[in-house]
């Protein structure tokens, strides 16, 4: 029973972080490429991926891994000035 409660807490924290990011972006408070948005999405989807693995929800796990990797890629690109400069040349 304790294990189930812990996975629910992980799921709710992950969901809350993603919803905060989405709300802030839809209210034009932050941009979808802002580091805060990407960080909230990465942490939230990472937590949901852990939960999906623990409860063996494989399709949901793949989705959350994709979201996590996309957010992390965005963060890495934003924090690497040479990569960002390369992208602006295109």
PDB file of N, CA and C in Angstrom:
ATOM      1  N   UNK A   1       0.821  -1.207   0.000  1.00  0.00           N
ATOM      2  CA  UNK A   1       0.000   0.000   0.000  1.00  0.00           C
ATOM      3  C   UNK A   1       0.859   1.263   0.000  1.00  0.00           C
ATOM      4  N   UNK A   2       1.943   1.266   0.761  1.00  0.00           N
ATOM      5  CA  UNK A   2       2.822   2.422   0.811  1.00  0.00           C
ATOM      6  C   UNK A   2       3.437   2.681  -0.563  1.00  0.00           C
ATOM      7  N   UNK A   3       3.808   1.621  -1.282  1.00  0.00           N
ATOM      8  CA  UNK A   3       4.388   1.756  -2.615  1.00  0.00           C
ATOM      9  C   UNK A   3       3.410   2.443  -3.564  1.00  0.00           C
ATOM     10  N   UNK A   4       2.144   2.072  -3.501  1.00  0.00           N
ATOM     11  CA  UNK A   4       1.127   2.686  -4.356  1.00  0.00           C
ATOM     12  C   UNK A   4       0.949   4.160  -4.046  1.00  0.00           C
ATOM     13  N   UNK A   5       0.950   4.522  -2.786  1.00  0.00           N
ATOM     14  CA  UNK A   5       0.802   5.926  -2.396  1.00  0.00           C
ATOM     15  C   UNK A   5       1.988   6.729  -2.909  1.00  0.00           C
ATOM     16  N   UNK A   6       3.185   6.186  -2.810  1.00  0.00           N
ATOM     17  CA  UNK A   6       4.368   6.900  -3.279  1.00  0.00           C
ATOM     18  C   UNK A   6       4.341   7.125  -4.790  1.00  0.00           C
ATOM     19  N   UNK A   7       3.876   6.152  -5.556  1.00  0.00           N
ATOM     20  CA  UNK A   7       3.808   6.371  -6.999  1.00  0.00           C
ATOM     21  C   UNK A   7       2.742   7.400  -7.342  1.00  0.00           C
ATOM     22  N   UNK A   8       1.687   7.463  -6.560  1.00  0.00           N
ATOM     23  CA  UNK A   8       0.658   8.487  -6.774  1.00  0.00           C
ATOM     24  C   UNK A   8       1.226   9.873  -6.490  1.00  0.00           C
ATOM     25  N   UNK A   9       2.026   9.994  -5.453  1.00  0.00           N
ATOM     26  CA  UNK A   9       2.639  11.287  -5.131  1.00  0.00           C
ATOM     27  C   UNK A   9       3.567  11.710  -6.262  1.00  0.00           C
ATOM     28  N   UNK A  10       4.378  10.788  -6.751  1.00  0.00           N
ATOM     29  CA  UNK A  10       5.271  11.075  -7.878  1.00  0.00           C
ATOM     30  C   UNK A  10       4.462  11.536  -9.083  1.00  0.00           C
ATOM     31  N   UNK A  11       3.373  10.846  -9.365  1.00  0.00           N
ATOM     32  CA  UNK A  11       2.525  11.200 -10.511  1.00  0.00           C
ATOM     33  C   UNK A  11       1.918  12.582 -10.346  1.00  0.00           C
ATOM     34  N   UNK A  12       1.423  12.902  -9.162  1.00  0.00           N
ATOM     35  CA  UNK A  12       0.795  14.205  -8.955  1.00  0.00           C
ATOM     36  C   UNK A  12       1.806  15.344  -9.012  1.00  0.00           C
ATOM     37  N   UNK A  13       2.994  15.134  -8.481  1.00  0.00           N
ATOM     38  CA  UNK A  13       4.031  16.170  -8.555  1.00  0.00           C
ATOM     39  C   UNK A  13       4.427  16.395 -10.012  1.00  0.00           C
ATOM     40  N   UNK A  14       4.670  15.320 -10.753  1.00  0.00           N
ATOM     41  CA  UNK A  14       5.009  15.446 -12.170  1.00  0.00           C
ATOM     42  C   UNK A  14       3.921  16.144 -12.963  1.00  0.00           C
ATOM     43  N   UNK A  15       2.688  15.741 -12.742  1.00  0.00           N
ATOM     44  CA  UNK A  15       1.554  16.346 -13.439  1.00  0.00           C
ATOM     45  C   UNK A  15       1.439  17.829 -13.090  1.00  0.00           C
ATOM     46  N   UNK A  16       1.607  18.171 -11.824  1.00  0.00           N
ATOM     47  CA  UNK A  16       1.509  19.549 -11.368  1.00  0.00           C
ATOM     48  C   UNK A  16       2.570  20.422 -12.038  1.00  0.00           C
ATOM     49  N   UNK A  17       3.798  19.930 -12.131  1.00  0.00           N
ATOM     50  CA  UNK A  17       4.872  20.698 -12.762  1.00  0.00           C
ATOM     51  C   UNK A  17       4.578  20.952 -14.239  1.00  0.00           C
ATOM     52  N   UNK A  18       4.096  19.933 -14.934  1.00  0.00           N
ATOM     53  CA  UNK A  18       3.753  20.095 -16.356  1.00  0.00           C
ATOM     54  C   UNK A  18       2.600  21.078 -16.516  1.00  0.00           C
ATOM     55  N   UNK A  19       1.607  20.981 -15.663  1.00  0.00           N
ATOM     56  CA  UNK A  19       0.471  21.903 -15.754  1.00  0.00           C
ATOM     57  C   UNK A  19       0.862  23.333 -15.422  1.00  0.00           C
ATOM     58  N   UNK A  20       1.770  23.518 -14.473  1.00  0.00           N
ATOM     59  CA  UNK A  20       2.264  24.871 -14.169  1.00  0.00           C
ATOM     60  C   UNK A  20       2.950  25.453 -15.407  1.00  0.00           C
ATOM     61  N   UNK A  21       3.822  24.661 -16.026  1.00  0.00           N
ATOM     62  CA  UNK A  21       4.524  25.123 -17.227  1.00  0.00           C
ATOM     63  C   UNK A  21       3.527  25.486 -18.324  1.00  0.00           C
ATOM     64  N   UNK A  22       2.564  24.631 -18.537  1.00  0.00           N
ATOM     65  CA  UNK A  22       1.561  24.865 -19.587  1.00  0.00           C
ATOM     66  C   UNK A  22       0.735  26.121 -19.280  1.00  0.00           C
ATOM     67  N   UNK A  23       0.314  26.281 -18.040  1.00  0.00           N
ATOM     68  CA  UNK A  23      -0.465  27.460 -17.648  1.00  0.00           C
ATOM     69  C   UNK A  23       0.339  28.741 -17.863  1.00  0.00           C
ATOM     70  N   UNK A  24       1.593  28.753 -17.395  1.00  0.00           N
ATOM     71  CA  UNK A  24       2.422  29.945 -17.542  1.00  0.00           C
ATOM     72  C   UNK A  24       2.657  30.286 -19.009  1.00  0.00           C
ATOM     73  N   UNK A  25       2.809  29.268 -19.836  1.00  0.00           N
ATOM     74  CA  UNK A  25       3.030  29.507 -21.257  1.00  0.00           C
ATOM     75  C   UNK A  25       1.761  30.022 -21.936  1.00  0.00           C
ATOM     76  N   UNK A  26       0.622  29.460 -21.609  1.00  0.00           N
ATOM     77  CA  UNK A  26      -0.626  29.905 -22.248  1.00  0.00           C
ATOM     78  C   UNK A  26      -1.052  31.291 -21.789  1.00  0.00           C
ATOM     79  N   UNK A  27      -0.554  31.730 -20.646  1.00  0.00           N
ATOM     80  CA  UNK A  27      -0.858  33.071 -20.148  1.00  0.00           C
ATOM     81  C   UNK A  27       0.205  34.089 -20.575  1.00  0.00           C
ATOM     82  N   UNK A  28       1.120  33.663 -21.440  1.00  0.00           N
ATOM     83  CA  UNK A  28       2.219  34.497 -21.942  1.00  0.00           C
ATOM     84  C   UNK A  28       3.109  35.038 -20.826  1.00  0.00           C
ATOM     85  N   UNK A  29       3.230  34.258 -19.759  1.00  0.00           N
ATOM     86  CA  UNK A  29       4.123  34.635 -18.660  1.00  0.00           C
ATOM     87  C   UNK A  29       5.541  34.150 -18.964  1.00  0.00           C
ATOM     88  N   UNK A  30       5.631  32.975 -19.548  1.00  0.00           N
ATOM     89  CA  UNK A  30       6.915  32.464 -20.019  1.00  0.00           C
ATOM     90  C   UNK A  30       6.710  31.920 -21.435  1.00  0.00           C
ATOM     91  N   UNK A  31       7.814  31.764 -22.140  1.00  0.00           N
ATOM     92  CA  UNK A  31       7.775  31.242 -23.508  1.00  0.00           C
ATOM     93  C   UNK A  31       8.091  29.754 -23.472  1.00  0.00           C
ATOM     94  N   UNK A  32       7.623  29.020 -24.448  1.00  0.00           N
ATOM     95  CA  UNK A  32       7.844  27.569 -24.474  1.00  0.00           C
ATOM     96  C   UNK A  32       9.304  27.188 -24.664  1.00  0.00           C
ATOM     97  N   UNK A  33      10.156  28.139 -25.025  1.00  0.00           N
ATOM     98  CA  UNK A  33      11.588  27.862 -25.133  1.00  0.00           C
ATOM     99  C   UNK A  33      12.374  28.422 -23.954  1.00  0.00           C
ATOM    100  N   UNK A  34      11.672  29.000 -22.985  1.00  0.00           N
ATOM    101  CA  UNK A  34      12.330  29.556 -21.799  1.00  0.00           C
ATOM    102  C   UNK A  34      12.896  28.426 -20.938  1.00  0.00           C
ATOM    103  N   UNK A  35      14.049  28.649 -20.331  1.00  0.00           N
ATOM    104  CA  UNK A  35      14.648  27.614 -19.477  1.00  0.00           C
ATOM    105  C   UNK A  35      13.709  27.124 -18.372  1.00  0.00           C
ATOM    106  N   UNK A  36      12.946  28.027 -17.754  1.00  0.00           N
ATOM    107  CA  UNK A  36      12.027  27.609 -16.694  1.00  0.00           C
ATOM    108  C   UNK A  36      10.969  26.652 -17.231  1.00  0.00           C
ATOM    109  N   UNK A  37      10.400  26.971 -18.371  1.00  0.00           N
ATOM    110  CA  UNK A  37       9.396  26.101 -18.982  1.00  0.00           C
ATOM    111  C   UNK A  37       9.988  24.725 -19.278  1.00  0.00           C
ATOM    112  N   UNK A  38      11.149  24.711 -19.909  1.00  0.00           N
ATOM    113  CA  UNK A  38      11.787  23.449 -20.270  1.00  0.00           C
ATOM    114  C   UNK A  38      12.172  22.641 -19.039  1.00  0.00           C
ATOM    115  N   UNK A  39      12.618  23.319 -17.991  1.00  0.00           N
ATOM    116  CA  UNK A  39      12.980  22.630 -16.754  1.00  0.00           C
ATOM    117  C   UNK A  39      11.750  22.010 -16.091  1.00  0.00           C
ATOM    118  N   UNK A  40      10.669  22.768 -16.015  1.00  0.00           N
ATOM    119  CA  UNK A  40       9.431  22.227 -15.442  1.00  0.00           C
ATOM    120  C   UNK A  40       8.941  21.028 -16.238  1.00  0.00           C
ATOM    121  N   UNK A  41       9.005  21.131 -17.566  1.00  0.00           N
ATOM    122  CA  UNK A  41       8.573  20.021 -18.415  1.00  0.00           C
ATOM    123  C   UNK A  41       9.480  18.799 -18.252  1.00  0.00           C
ATOM    124  N   UNK A  42      10.778  19.029 -18.179  1.00  0.00           N
ATOM    125  CA  UNK A  42      11.728  17.915 -18.046  1.00  0.00           C
ATOM    126  C   UNK A  42      11.536  17.198 -16.710  1.00  0.00           C
ATOM    127  N   UNK A  43      11.447  17.951 -15.630  1.00  0.00           N
ATOM    128  CA  UNK A  43      11.275  17.320 -14.315  1.00  0.00           C
ATOM    129  C   UNK A  43       9.923  16.620 -14.233  1.00  0.00           C
ATOM    130  N   UNK A  44       8.876  17.310 -14.677  1.00  0.00           N
ATOM    131  CA  UNK A  44       7.539  16.726 -14.627  1.00  0.00           C
ATOM    132  C   UNK A  44       7.424  15.456 -15.454  1.00  0.00           C
ATOM    133  N   UNK A  45       7.909  15.501 -16.678  1.00  0.00           N
ATOM    134  CA  UNK A  45       7.816  14.310 -17.524  1.00  0.00           C
ATOM    135  C   UNK A  45       8.762  13.215 -17.045  1.00  0.00           C
ATOM    136  N   UNK A  46       9.891  13.596 -16.465  1.00  0.00           N
ATOM    137  CA  UNK A  46      10.792  12.598 -15.884  1.00  0.00           C
ATOM    138  C   UNK A  46      10.139  11.852 -14.735  1.00  0.00           C
ATOM    139  N   UNK A  47       9.446  12.595 -13.875  1.00  0.00           N
ATOM    140  CA  UNK A  47       8.732  11.954 -12.759  1.00  0.00           C
ATOM    141  C   UNK A  47       7.615  11.052 -13.272  1.00  0.00           C
ATOM    142  N   UNK A  48       6.894  11.522 -14.274  1.00  0.00           N
ATOM    143  CA  UNK A  48       5.824  10.691 -14.826  1.00  0.00           C
ATOM    144  C   UNK A  48       6.380   9.458 -15.532  1.00  0.00           C
ATOM    145  N   UNK A  49       7.557   9.578 -16.131  1.00  0.00           N
ATOM    146  CA  UNK A  49       8.190   8.414 -16.754  1.00  0.00           C
ATOM    147  C   UNK A  49       8.556   7.377 -15.687  1.00  0.00           C
ATOM    148  N   UNK A  50       9.073   7.846 -14.557  1.00  0.00           N
ATOM    149  CA  UNK A  50       9.396   6.928 -13.454  1.00  0.00           C
ATOM    150  C   UNK A  50       8.133   6.213 -12.990  1.00  0.00           C
ATOM    151  N   UNK A  51       7.070   6.965 -12.825  1.00  0.00           N
ATOM    152  CA  UNK A  51       5.793   6.363 -12.398  1.00  0.00           C
ATOM    153  C   UNK A  51       5.303   5.354 -13.424  1.00  0.00           C
ATOM    154  N   UNK A  52       5.386   5.711 -14.696  1.00  0.00           N
ATOM    155  CA  UNK A  52       4.936   4.803 -15.757  1.00  0.00           C
ATOM    156  C   UNK A  52       5.734   3.501 -15.732  1.00  0.00           C
ATOM    157  N   UNK A  53       7.026   3.601 -15.482  1.00  0.00           N
ATOM    158  CA  UNK A  53       7.864   2.400 -15.394  1.00  0.00           C
ATOM    159  C   UNK A  53       7.444   1.546 -14.204  1.00  0.00           C
ATOM    160  N   UNK A  54       7.228   2.194 -13.060  1.00  0.00           N
ATOM    161  CA  UNK A  54       6.880   1.454 -11.849  1.00  0.00           C
ATOM    162  C   UNK A  54       5.543   0.726 -11.955  1.00  0.00           C
ATOM    163  N   UNK A  55       4.610   1.315 -12.694  1.00  0.00           N
ATOM    164  CA  UNK A  55       3.300   0.662 -12.836  1.00  0.00           C
ATOM    165  C   UNK A  55       3.181  -0.092 -14.159  1.00  0.00           C
ATOM    166  N   UNK A  56       4.277  -0.149 -14.895  1.00  0.00           N
ATOM    167  CA  UNK A  56       4.366  -0.904 -16.146  1.00  0.00           C
ATOM    168  C   UNK A  56       3.366  -0.437 -17.200  1.00  0.00           C
ATOM    169  N   UNK A  57       3.280   0.874 -17.362  1.00  0.00           N
ATOM    170  CA  UNK A  57       2.468   1.478 -18.421  1.00  0.00           C
ATOM    171  C   UNK A  57       3.417   1.864 -19.551  1.00  0.00           C
ATOM    172  N   UNK A  58       3.676   0.928 -20.474  1.00  0.00           N
ATOM    173  CA  UNK A  58       4.755   1.083 -21.440  1.00  0.00           C
ATOM    174  C   UNK A  58       4.500   2.186 -22.465  1.00  0.00           C
ATOM    175  N   UNK A  59       3.303   2.338 -22.959  1.00  0.00           N
ATOM    176  CA  UNK A  59       3.024   3.407 -23.930  1.00  0.00           C
ATOM    177  C   UNK A  59       3.214   4.778 -23.270  1.00  0.00           C
ATOM    178  N   UNK A  60       2.730   4.918 -22.052  1.00  0.00           N
ATOM    179  CA  UNK A  60       2.881   6.164 -21.303  1.00  0.00           C
ATOM    180  C   UNK A  60       4.356   6.424 -21.001  1.00  0.00           C
ATOM    181  N   UNK A  61       5.114   5.378 -20.715  1.00  0.00           N
ATOM    182  CA  UNK A  61       6.550   5.508 -20.463  1.00  0.00           C
ATOM    183  C   UNK A  61       7.254   6.069 -21.701  1.00  0.00           C
ATOM    184  N   UNK A  62       6.949   5.528 -22.871  1.00  0.00           N
ATOM    185  CA  UNK A  62       7.571   6.001 -24.107  1.00  0.00           C
ATOM    186  C   UNK A  62       7.218   7.467 -24.353  1.00  0.00           C
ATOM    187  N   UNK A  63       5.965   7.829 -24.154  1.00  0.00           N
ATOM    188  CA  UNK A  63       5.540   9.211 -24.326  1.00  0.00           C
ATOM    189  C   UNK A  63       6.301  10.143 -23.392  1.00  0.00           C
ATOM    190  N   UNK A  64       6.391   9.794 -22.131  1.00  0.00           N
ATOM    191  CA  UNK A  64       7.061  10.658 -21.156  1.00  0.00           C
ATOM    192  C   UNK A  64       8.564  10.727 -21.396  1.00  0.00           C
ATOM    193  N   UNK A  65       9.167   9.652 -21.848  1.00  0.00           N
ATOM    194  CA  UNK A  65      10.591   9.697 -22.198  1.00  0.00           C
ATOM    195  C   UNK A  65      10.797  10.650 -23.370  1.00  0.00           C
ATOM    196  N   UNK A  66       9.906  10.609 -24.346  1.00  0.00           N
ATOM    197  CA  UNK A  66      10.002  11.517 -25.494  1.00  0.00           C
ATOM    198  C   UNK A  66       9.884  12.972 -25.041  1.00  0.00           C
ATOM    199  N   UNK A  67       8.918  13.275 -24.162  1.00  0.00           N
ATOM    200  CA  UNK A  67       8.763  14.624 -23.625  1.00  0.00           C
ATOM    201  C   UNK A  67      10.001  15.051 -22.854  1.00  0.00           C
ATOM    202  N   UNK A  68      10.524  14.141 -22.010  1.00  0.00           N
ATOM    203  CA  UNK A  68      11.704  14.436 -21.208  1.00  0.00           C
ATOM    204  C   UNK A  68      12.902  14.747 -22.105  1.00  0.00           C
ATOM    205  N   UNK A  69      13.144  13.897 -23.096  1.00  0.00           N
ATOM    206  CA  UNK A  69      14.290  14.105 -23.985  1.00  0.00           C
ATOM    207  C   UNK A  69      14.148  15.386 -24.804  1.00  0.00           C
ATOM    208  N   UNK A  70      12.941  15.694 -25.232  1.00  0.00           N
ATOM    209  CA  UNK A  70      12.702  16.926 -25.984  1.00  0.00           C
ATOM    210  C   UNK A  70      12.991  18.150 -25.123  1.00  0.00           C
ATOM    211  N   UNK A  71      12.501  18.146 -23.893  1.00  0.00           N
ATOM    212  CA  UNK A  71      12.743  19.271 -22.981  1.00  0.00           C
ATOM    213  C   UNK A  71      14.230  19.393 -22.647  1.00  0.00           C
ATOM    214  N   UNK A  72      14.888  18.273 -22.401  1.00  0.00           N
ATOM    215  CA  UNK A  72      16.311  18.309 -22.080  1.00  0.00           C
ATOM    216  C   UNK A  72      17.137  18.790 -23.271  1.00  0.00           C
ATOM    217  N   UNK A  73      16.772  18.365 -24.467  1.00  0.00           N
ATOM    218  CA  UNK A  73      17.463  18.841 -25.668  1.00  0.00           C
ATOM    219  C   UNK A  73      17.319  20.355 -25.788  1.00  0.00           C
ATOM    220  N   UNK A  74      16.118  20.850 -25.546  1.00  0.00           N
ATOM    221  CA  UNK A  74      15.890  22.294 -25.577  1.00  0.00           C
ATOM    222  C   UNK A  74      16.735  23.022 -24.547  1.00  0.00           C
ATOM    223  N   UNK A  75      16.840  22.473 -23.355  1.00  0.00           N
ATOM    224  CA  UNK A  75      17.672  23.088 -22.314  1.00  0.00           C
ATOM    225  C   UNK A  75      19.144  23.091 -22.710  1.00  0.00           C
ATOM    226  N   UNK A  76      19.614  21.994 -23.244  1.00  0.00           N
ATOM    227  CA  UNK A  76      21.019  21.897 -23.643  1.00  0.00           C
ATOM    228  C   UNK A  76      21.327  22.896 -24.746  1.00  0.00           C
ATOM    229  N   UNK A  77      20.438  22.992 -25.719  1.00  0.00           N
ATOM    230  CA  UNK A  77      20.639  23.944 -26.822  1.00  0.00           C
ATOM    231  C   UNK A  77      20.624  25.371 -26.293  1.00  0.00           C
ATOM    232  N   UNK A  78      19.713  25.680 -25.376  1.00  0.00           N
ATOM    233  CA  UNK A  78      19.622  27.030 -24.813  1.00  0.00           C
ATOM    234  C   UNK A  78      20.851  27.389 -23.999  1.00  0.00           C
ATOM    235  N   UNK A  79      21.468  26.394 -23.361  1.00  0.00           N
ATOM    236  CA  UNK A  79      22.617  26.661 -22.499  1.00  0.00           C
ATOM    237  C   UNK A  79      23.952  26.523 -23.213  1.00  0.00           C
ATOM    238  N   UNK A  80      23.931  26.200 -24.501  1.00  0.00           N
ATOM    239  CA  UNK A  80      25.156  26.062 -25.274  1.00  0.00           C
ATOM    240  C   UNK A  80      25.188  27.183 -26.308  1.00  0.00           C
ATOM    241  N   UNK A  81      25.900  28.273 -26.017  1.00  0.00           N
ATOM    242  CA  UNK A  81      25.894  29.434 -26.926  1.00  0.00           C
ATOM    243  C   UNK A  81      26.312  29.096 -28.349  1.00  0.00           C
ATOM    244  N   UNK A  82      27.262  28.193 -28.548  1.00  0.00           N
ATOM    245  CA  UNK A  82      27.695  27.868 -29.904  1.00  0.00           C
ATOM    246  C   UNK A  82      26.597  27.168 -30.694  1.00  0.00           C
ATOM    247  N   UNK A  83      25.823  26.289 -30.029  1.00  0.00           N
ATOM    248  CA  UNK A  83      24.718  25.609 -30.699  1.00  0.00           C
ATOM    249  C   UNK A  83      23.616  26.598 -31.045  1.00  0.00           C
ATOM    250  N   UNK A  84      23.316  27.516 -30.111  1.00  0.00           N
ATOM    251  CA  UNK A  84      22.274  28.502 -30.351  1.00  0.00           C
ATOM    252  C   UNK A  84      22.663  29.431 -31.508  1.00  0.00           C
ATOM    253  N   UNK A  85      23.940  29.789 -31.589  1.00  0.00           N
ATOM    254  CA  UNK A  85      24.399  30.631 -32.677  1.00  0.00           C
ATOM    255  C   UNK A  85      24.292  29.903 -34.013  1.00  0.00           C
ATOM    256  N   UNK A  86      24.610  28.607 -34.017  1.00  0.00           N
ATOM    257  CA  UNK A  86      24.501  27.802 -35.237  1.00  0.00           C
ATOM    258  C   UNK A  86      23.069  27.745 -35.724  1.00  0.00           C
ATOM    259  N   UNK A  87      22.114  27.621 -34.781  1.00  0.00           N
ATOM    260  CA  UNK A  87      20.708  27.531 -35.155  1.00  0.00           C
ATOM    261  C   UNK A  87      20.181  28.862 -35.689  1.00  0.00           C
ATOM    262  N   UNK A  88      20.692  29.977 -35.171  1.00  0.00           N
ATOM    263  CA  UNK A  88      20.195  31.269 -35.635  1.00  0.00           C
ATOM    264  C   UNK A  88      20.706  31.608 -37.029  1.00  0.00           C
ATOM    265  N   UNK A  89      21.789  30.959 -37.474  1.00  0.00           N
ATOM    266  CA  UNK A  89      22.312  31.186 -38.815  1.00  0.00           C
ATOM    267  C   UNK A  89      21.440  30.565 -39.887  1.00  0.00           C
ATOM    268  N   UNK A  90      20.643  29.580 -39.537  1.00  0.00           N
ATOM    269  CA  UNK A  90      19.835  28.851 -40.528  1.00  0.00           C
ATOM    270  C   UNK A  90      18.644  29.642 -40.989  1.00  0.00           C
TER     271      UNK A  90
END
